[in-house]
Amino acid sequence: MTTKTTTKSKKSAAPAGDVQKLRIRVRAYEHKILDVSVKQIIDTALRFDAKVIGPIPLPTEIKKYTVNRSSFIFKDAREQFEMRMHKRVIDIMNPSAKVIEALTNLSLPSGVNIDVKMM
C-alpha cells in the first residue's frame, strides 16, 4: 500500500495593515451645486496632503410622478414631473485628525446632503 503525499502551498495574504478610509457620499438635486461642493471637499482634503480617490459619479436616481390635470374628468390629460438626485462618492485614505476637523468645519451650500462613513 502506497501513500500519496501532497504538499499544499500556503498562500500568504499580504498584510493589509490598518488602512482607514473615510467615505463621503454627497447627494443633491442640482448637479452644479453638487460639483462645487465636491470640489470644495477635495481641495480641503488635498490641502492637508490626504490621498483622495474620486469623485466617483453614481447613477442618478430619478423619481417620476404622474398627476391628472383635471380634478375628476378628462383622465387622458396628465402631467408628469420628475426629481433627479445626483450622487458622488469620495474616498479619503488614511485621514489625519486635521483633515477630519477641516471637513467638519466646512460650510457647504444648502440642498447638499452629506453622509460620512469611517471604514
N, C-alpha and C. Protein backbone atom coordinates (compact mmCIF):
# COMPACT_ATOMS: atom_id res chain seq x y z
N MET A 1 0.83 -1.17 0.00
CA MET A 1 0.00 0.00 0.00
C MET A 1 0.88 1.23 0.00
N THR A 2 0.66 2.07 -0.98
CA THR A 2 1.46 3.29 -1.08
C THR A 2 0.63 4.49 -0.64
N THR A 3 1.29 5.38 -0.01
CA THR A 3 0.60 6.60 0.42
C THR A 3 1.05 7.74 -0.46
N LYS A 4 0.12 8.51 -0.80
CA LYS A 4 0.40 9.64 -1.66
C LYS A 4 0.44 10.90 -0.80
N THR A 5 1.53 11.56 -0.83
CA THR A 5 1.63 12.78 -0.03
C THR A 5 1.48 13.98 -0.95
N THR A 6 0.68 14.89 -0.53
CA THR A 6 0.50 16.13 -1.30
C THR A 6 0.96 17.29 -0.44
N THR A 7 1.61 18.16 -1.07
CA THR A 7 2.03 19.36 -0.34
C THR A 7 1.14 20.52 -0.76
N LYS A 8 0.57 21.12 0.20
CA LYS A 8 -0.29 22.27 -0.07
C LYS A 8 0.54 23.54 0.08
N SER A 9 0.51 24.32 -0.95
CA SER A 9 1.24 25.59 -0.85
C SER A 9 0.34 26.60 -0.16
N LYS A 10 0.88 27.19 0.85
CA LYS A 10 0.11 28.17 1.60
C LYS A 10 0.26 29.53 0.92
N LYS A 11 -0.86 30.10 0.63
CA LYS A 11 -0.85 31.43 0.04
C LYS A 11 -0.83 32.43 1.19
N SER A 12 0.22 33.16 1.25
CA SER A 12 0.31 34.14 2.33
C SER A 12 -0.36 35.43 1.86
N ALA A 13 -1.32 35.85 2.63
CA ALA A 13 -2.02 37.07 2.31
C ALA A 13 -1.13 38.25 2.68
N ALA A 14 -1.12 39.22 1.82
CA ALA A 14 -0.31 40.40 2.10
C ALA A 14 -0.93 41.16 3.26
N PRO A 15 -0.13 41.53 4.23
CA PRO A 15 -0.69 42.23 5.36
C PRO A 15 -1.22 43.58 4.93
N ALA A 16 -2.52 43.74 5.12
CA ALA A 16 -3.16 44.97 4.67
C ALA A 16 -2.86 46.12 5.62
N GLY A 17 -2.52 45.79 6.85
CA GLY A 17 -2.26 46.86 7.81
C GLY A 17 -3.57 47.50 8.23
N ASP A 18 -3.44 48.60 8.89
CA ASP A 18 -4.63 49.32 9.31
C ASP A 18 -4.88 50.48 8.37
N VAL A 19 -5.50 50.18 7.24
CA VAL A 19 -5.82 51.22 6.28
C VAL A 19 -7.21 51.73 6.61
N GLN A 20 -7.26 52.97 7.02
CA GLN A 20 -8.55 53.58 7.30
C GLN A 20 -8.98 54.38 6.09
N LYS A 21 -10.28 54.38 5.90
CA LYS A 21 -10.81 55.08 4.74
C LYS A 21 -12.02 55.88 5.18
N LEU A 22 -12.06 57.11 4.77
CA LEU A 22 -13.20 57.97 5.04
C LEU A 22 -14.00 58.05 3.76
N ARG A 23 -15.21 57.51 3.76
CA ARG A 23 -16.05 57.51 2.56
C ARG A 23 -17.11 58.60 2.71
N ILE A 24 -17.09 59.54 1.79
CA ILE A 24 -18.03 60.66 1.81
C ILE A 24 -18.96 60.49 0.64
N ARG A 25 -20.25 60.43 0.93
CA ARG A 25 -21.27 60.30 -0.11
C ARG A 25 -22.06 61.60 -0.16
N VAL A 26 -22.02 62.27 -1.30
CA VAL A 26 -22.63 63.58 -1.45
C VAL A 26 -23.81 63.46 -2.42
N ARG A 27 -24.95 64.04 -2.03
CA ARG A 27 -26.16 63.98 -2.86
C ARG A 27 -26.79 65.36 -2.96
N ALA A 28 -27.33 65.68 -4.14
CA ALA A 28 -28.01 66.96 -4.33
C ALA A 28 -28.94 66.85 -5.53
N TYR A 29 -29.91 67.77 -5.57
CA TYR A 29 -30.85 67.79 -6.70
C TYR A 29 -30.26 68.51 -7.90
N GLU A 30 -29.37 69.47 -7.68
CA GLU A 30 -28.76 70.21 -8.78
C GLU A 30 -27.30 69.79 -8.94
N HIS A 31 -26.93 69.42 -10.14
CA HIS A 31 -25.58 68.88 -10.35
C HIS A 31 -24.51 69.96 -10.27
N LYS A 32 -24.84 71.20 -10.57
CA LYS A 32 -23.83 72.27 -10.50
C LYS A 32 -23.43 72.54 -9.05
N ILE A 33 -24.41 72.60 -8.17
CA ILE A 33 -24.12 72.79 -6.74
C ILE A 33 -23.35 71.60 -6.20
N LEU A 34 -23.70 70.42 -6.66
CA LEU A 34 -23.01 69.20 -6.22
C LEU A 34 -21.54 69.22 -6.63
N ASP A 35 -21.26 69.62 -7.87
CA ASP A 35 -19.88 69.66 -8.34
C ASP A 35 -19.05 70.69 -7.59
N VAL A 36 -19.65 71.83 -7.26
CA VAL A 36 -18.94 72.85 -6.48
C VAL A 36 -18.62 72.33 -5.08
N SER A 37 -19.58 71.63 -4.47
CA SER A 37 -19.37 71.09 -3.13
C SER A 37 -18.29 70.02 -3.13
N VAL A 38 -18.30 69.15 -4.12
CA VAL A 38 -17.30 68.08 -4.22
C VAL A 38 -15.91 68.68 -4.42
N LYS A 39 -15.81 69.71 -5.25
CA LYS A 39 -14.51 70.37 -5.47
C LYS A 39 -14.01 71.00 -4.17
N GLN A 40 -14.91 71.57 -3.40
CA GLN A 40 -14.54 72.18 -2.12
C GLN A 40 -14.04 71.13 -1.13
N ILE A 41 -14.68 69.97 -1.10
CA ILE A 41 -14.26 68.88 -0.21
C ILE A 41 -12.88 68.36 -0.62
N ILE A 42 -12.68 68.16 -1.92
CA ILE A 42 -11.40 67.63 -2.41
C ILE A 42 -10.27 68.62 -2.16
N ASP A 43 -10.53 69.92 -2.39
CA ASP A 43 -9.49 70.93 -2.14
C ASP A 43 -9.11 70.97 -0.67
N THR A 44 -10.09 70.82 0.22
CA THR A 44 -9.81 70.81 1.65
C THR A 44 -8.97 69.61 2.03
N ALA A 45 -9.27 68.45 1.48
CA ALA A 45 -8.51 67.24 1.80
C ALA A 45 -7.09 67.31 1.24
N LEU A 46 -6.94 67.84 0.03
CA LEU A 46 -5.62 67.93 -0.58
C LEU A 46 -4.74 68.98 0.11
N ARG A 47 -5.35 69.97 0.73
CA ARG A 47 -4.59 70.98 1.44
C ARG A 47 -3.81 70.37 2.61
N PHE A 48 -4.33 69.28 3.18
CA PHE A 48 -3.67 68.60 4.30
C PHE A 48 -2.95 67.33 3.84
N ASP A 49 -2.64 67.23 2.56
CA ASP A 49 -1.87 66.12 1.97
C ASP A 49 -2.51 64.76 2.20
N ALA A 50 -3.81 64.67 2.04
CA ALA A 50 -4.51 63.39 2.15
C ALA A 50 -4.67 62.80 0.74
N LYS A 51 -4.65 61.48 0.65
CA LYS A 51 -4.83 60.82 -0.64
C LYS A 51 -6.34 60.71 -0.91
N VAL A 52 -6.76 61.28 -2.04
CA VAL A 52 -8.18 61.35 -2.38
C VAL A 52 -8.43 60.49 -3.60
N ILE A 53 -9.48 59.67 -3.52
CA ILE A 53 -9.94 58.87 -4.66
C ILE A 53 -11.34 59.36 -5.01
N GLY A 54 -11.49 59.84 -6.21
CA GLY A 54 -12.81 60.29 -6.63
C GLY A 54 -12.75 61.71 -7.17
N PRO A 55 -13.85 62.30 -7.42
CA PRO A 55 -15.22 61.88 -7.16
C PRO A 55 -15.70 60.83 -8.15
N ILE A 56 -16.39 59.85 -7.63
CA ILE A 56 -16.93 58.77 -8.45
C ILE A 56 -18.42 59.05 -8.63
N PRO A 57 -18.89 59.28 -9.86
CA PRO A 57 -20.32 59.53 -10.05
C PRO A 57 -21.12 58.23 -9.93
N LEU A 58 -22.17 58.29 -9.16
CA LEU A 58 -23.09 57.16 -9.02
C LEU A 58 -24.30 57.41 -9.91
N PRO A 59 -25.08 56.38 -10.21
CA PRO A 59 -26.25 56.57 -11.07
C PRO A 59 -27.24 57.57 -10.48
N THR A 60 -27.80 58.39 -11.36
CA THR A 60 -28.77 59.39 -10.94
C THR A 60 -30.09 58.71 -10.62
N GLU A 61 -30.61 59.01 -9.44
CA GLU A 61 -31.88 58.42 -9.01
C GLU A 61 -33.00 59.34 -9.50
N ILE A 62 -33.92 58.79 -10.31
CA ILE A 62 -35.00 59.58 -10.90
C ILE A 62 -36.33 59.11 -10.32
N LYS A 63 -37.05 60.04 -9.71
CA LYS A 63 -38.40 59.75 -9.21
C LYS A 63 -39.39 60.48 -10.10
N LYS A 64 -40.32 59.71 -10.70
CA LYS A 64 -41.31 60.30 -11.60
C LYS A 64 -42.68 60.27 -10.96
N TYR A 65 -43.41 61.36 -11.13
CA TYR A 65 -44.76 61.49 -10.59
C TYR A 65 -45.70 61.88 -11.71
N THR A 66 -46.83 61.18 -11.81
CA THR A 66 -47.85 61.49 -12.81
C THR A 66 -49.08 62.03 -12.10
N VAL A 67 -49.59 63.16 -12.59
CA VAL A 67 -50.70 63.85 -11.94
C VAL A 67 -51.75 64.16 -12.99
N ASN A 68 -53.02 63.97 -12.62
CA ASN A 68 -54.10 64.36 -13.52
C ASN A 68 -54.19 65.88 -13.59
N ARG A 69 -54.41 66.42 -14.80
CA ARG A 69 -54.56 67.87 -14.94
C ARG A 69 -55.91 68.33 -14.44
N SER A 70 -56.90 67.51 -14.64
CA SER A 70 -58.25 67.86 -14.21
C SER A 70 -58.58 67.13 -12.92
N SER A 71 -59.59 67.60 -12.23
CA SER A 71 -59.90 67.01 -10.92
C SER A 71 -60.52 65.62 -11.04
N PHE A 72 -61.55 65.44 -11.88
CA PHE A 72 -62.18 64.12 -11.94
C PHE A 72 -62.55 63.69 -13.34
N ILE A 73 -62.54 64.58 -14.29
CA ILE A 73 -62.91 64.22 -15.66
C ILE A 73 -61.66 64.41 -16.53
N PHE A 74 -61.68 63.98 -17.73
CA PHE A 74 -60.55 64.06 -18.66
C PHE A 74 -59.32 63.32 -18.10
N LYS A 75 -59.48 62.01 -17.93
CA LYS A 75 -58.40 61.22 -17.37
C LYS A 75 -57.20 61.13 -18.31
N ASP A 76 -57.41 61.39 -19.60
CA ASP A 76 -56.31 61.29 -20.56
C ASP A 76 -55.34 62.47 -20.44
N ALA A 77 -55.78 63.55 -19.86
CA ALA A 77 -54.91 64.72 -19.73
C ALA A 77 -54.12 64.61 -18.43
N ARG A 78 -52.82 64.36 -18.56
CA ARG A 78 -51.96 64.18 -17.38
C ARG A 78 -50.68 64.96 -17.54
N GLU A 79 -50.07 65.24 -16.41
CA GLU A 79 -48.76 65.88 -16.40
C GLU A 79 -47.78 64.95 -15.69
N GLN A 80 -46.54 64.97 -16.13
CA GLN A 80 -45.52 64.17 -15.48
C GLN A 80 -44.42 65.09 -14.95
N PHE A 81 -44.02 64.82 -13.71
CA PHE A 81 -42.94 65.56 -13.08
C PHE A 81 -41.88 64.57 -12.64
N GLU A 82 -40.65 65.03 -12.55
CA GLU A 82 -39.58 64.15 -12.09
C GLU A 82 -38.61 64.92 -11.21
N MET A 83 -38.03 64.19 -10.26
CA MET A 83 -36.99 64.73 -9.40
C MET A 83 -35.74 63.88 -9.62
N ARG A 84 -34.63 64.55 -9.88
CA ARG A 84 -33.37 63.84 -10.12
C ARG A 84 -32.44 64.07 -8.93
N MET A 85 -31.94 62.96 -8.37
CA MET A 85 -30.99 63.03 -7.26
C MET A 85 -29.63 62.60 -7.79
N HIS A 86 -28.70 63.56 -7.89
CA HIS A 86 -27.35 63.30 -8.37
C HIS A 86 -26.48 62.91 -7.18
N LYS A 87 -25.58 61.93 -7.38
CA LYS A 87 -24.77 61.40 -6.29
C LYS A 87 -23.31 61.27 -6.70
N ARG A 88 -22.42 61.50 -5.73
CA ARG A 88 -20.98 61.32 -5.91
C ARG A 88 -20.40 60.66 -4.67
N VAL A 89 -19.31 59.91 -4.85
CA VAL A 89 -18.62 59.28 -3.73
C VAL A 89 -17.16 59.72 -3.77
N ILE A 90 -16.64 60.09 -2.60
CA ILE A 90 -15.23 60.47 -2.46
C ILE A 90 -14.64 59.61 -1.36
N ASP A 91 -13.48 59.00 -1.62
CA ASP A 91 -12.76 58.23 -0.62
C ASP A 91 -11.49 58.97 -0.24
N ILE A 92 -11.26 59.10 1.06
CA ILE A 92 -10.03 59.71 1.56
C ILE A 92 -9.30 58.63 2.35
N MET A 93 -8.09 58.29 1.89
CA MET A 93 -7.32 57.22 2.50
C MET A 93 -6.48 57.77 3.66
N ASN A 94 -6.50 57.04 4.78
CA ASN A 94 -5.74 57.38 5.98
C ASN A 94 -5.86 58.86 6.37
N PRO A 95 -7.08 59.31 6.70
CA PRO A 95 -7.24 60.72 7.04
C PRO A 95 -6.65 61.03 8.41
N SER A 96 -6.02 62.17 8.51
CA SER A 96 -5.48 62.60 9.80
C SER A 96 -6.57 63.36 10.56
N ALA A 97 -6.28 63.69 11.79
CA ALA A 97 -7.25 64.42 12.61
C ALA A 97 -7.50 65.81 12.05
N LYS A 98 -6.47 66.41 11.46
CA LYS A 98 -6.63 67.75 10.89
C LYS A 98 -7.58 67.74 9.69
N VAL A 99 -7.50 66.68 8.89
CA VAL A 99 -8.39 66.57 7.73
C VAL A 99 -9.84 66.44 8.19
N ILE A 100 -10.07 65.59 9.18
CA ILE A 100 -11.44 65.38 9.67
C ILE A 100 -11.99 66.66 10.28
N GLU A 101 -11.15 67.36 11.02
CA GLU A 101 -11.59 68.62 11.63
C GLU A 101 -11.91 69.67 10.57
N ALA A 102 -11.07 69.75 9.54
CA ALA A 102 -11.31 70.72 8.47
C ALA A 102 -12.58 70.39 7.69
N LEU A 103 -12.87 69.10 7.50
CA LEU A 103 -14.09 68.72 6.77
C LEU A 103 -15.34 68.97 7.60
N THR A 104 -15.25 68.83 8.93
CA THR A 104 -16.44 69.10 9.76
C THR A 104 -16.74 70.60 9.83
N ASN A 105 -15.70 71.45 9.72
CA ASN A 105 -15.91 72.89 9.77
C ASN A 105 -16.23 73.49 8.41
N LEU A 106 -16.35 72.66 7.39
CA LEU A 106 -16.60 73.12 6.03
C LEU A 106 -18.06 73.56 5.90
N SER A 107 -18.29 74.72 5.32
CA SER A 107 -19.67 75.18 5.09
C SER A 107 -20.01 74.95 3.63
N LEU A 108 -21.02 74.15 3.40
CA LEU A 108 -21.44 73.80 2.04
C LEU A 108 -22.80 74.44 1.75
N PRO A 109 -23.14 74.61 0.48
CA PRO A 109 -24.43 75.23 0.13
C PRO A 109 -25.62 74.39 0.61
N SER A 110 -26.75 75.06 0.77
CA SER A 110 -27.95 74.34 1.18
C SER A 110 -28.43 73.47 0.02
N GLY A 111 -29.05 72.37 0.36
CA GLY A 111 -29.53 71.43 -0.65
C GLY A 111 -28.55 70.31 -0.92
N VAL A 112 -27.41 70.30 -0.23
CA VAL A 112 -26.41 69.27 -0.41
C VAL A 112 -26.44 68.37 0.81
N ASN A 113 -26.65 67.08 0.60
CA ASN A 113 -26.73 66.10 1.68
C ASN A 113 -25.43 65.30 1.71
N ILE A 114 -24.84 65.18 2.90
CA ILE A 114 -23.56 64.50 3.04
C ILE A 114 -23.68 63.36 4.03
N ASP A 115 -23.19 62.19 3.64
CA ASP A 115 -23.08 61.03 4.54
C ASP A 115 -21.61 60.66 4.64
N VAL A 116 -21.10 60.56 5.87
CA VAL A 116 -19.70 60.26 6.09
C VAL A 116 -19.61 58.94 6.85
N LYS A 117 -18.77 58.02 6.35
CA LYS A 117 -18.55 56.73 7.00
C LYS A 117 -17.05 56.51 7.17
N MET A 118 -16.66 55.96 8.31
CA MET A 118 -15.27 55.58 8.53
C MET A 118 -15.20 54.08 8.34
N MET A 119 -14.33 53.64 7.41
CA MET A 119 -14.24 52.21 7.12
C MET A 119 -12.88 51.70 7.50
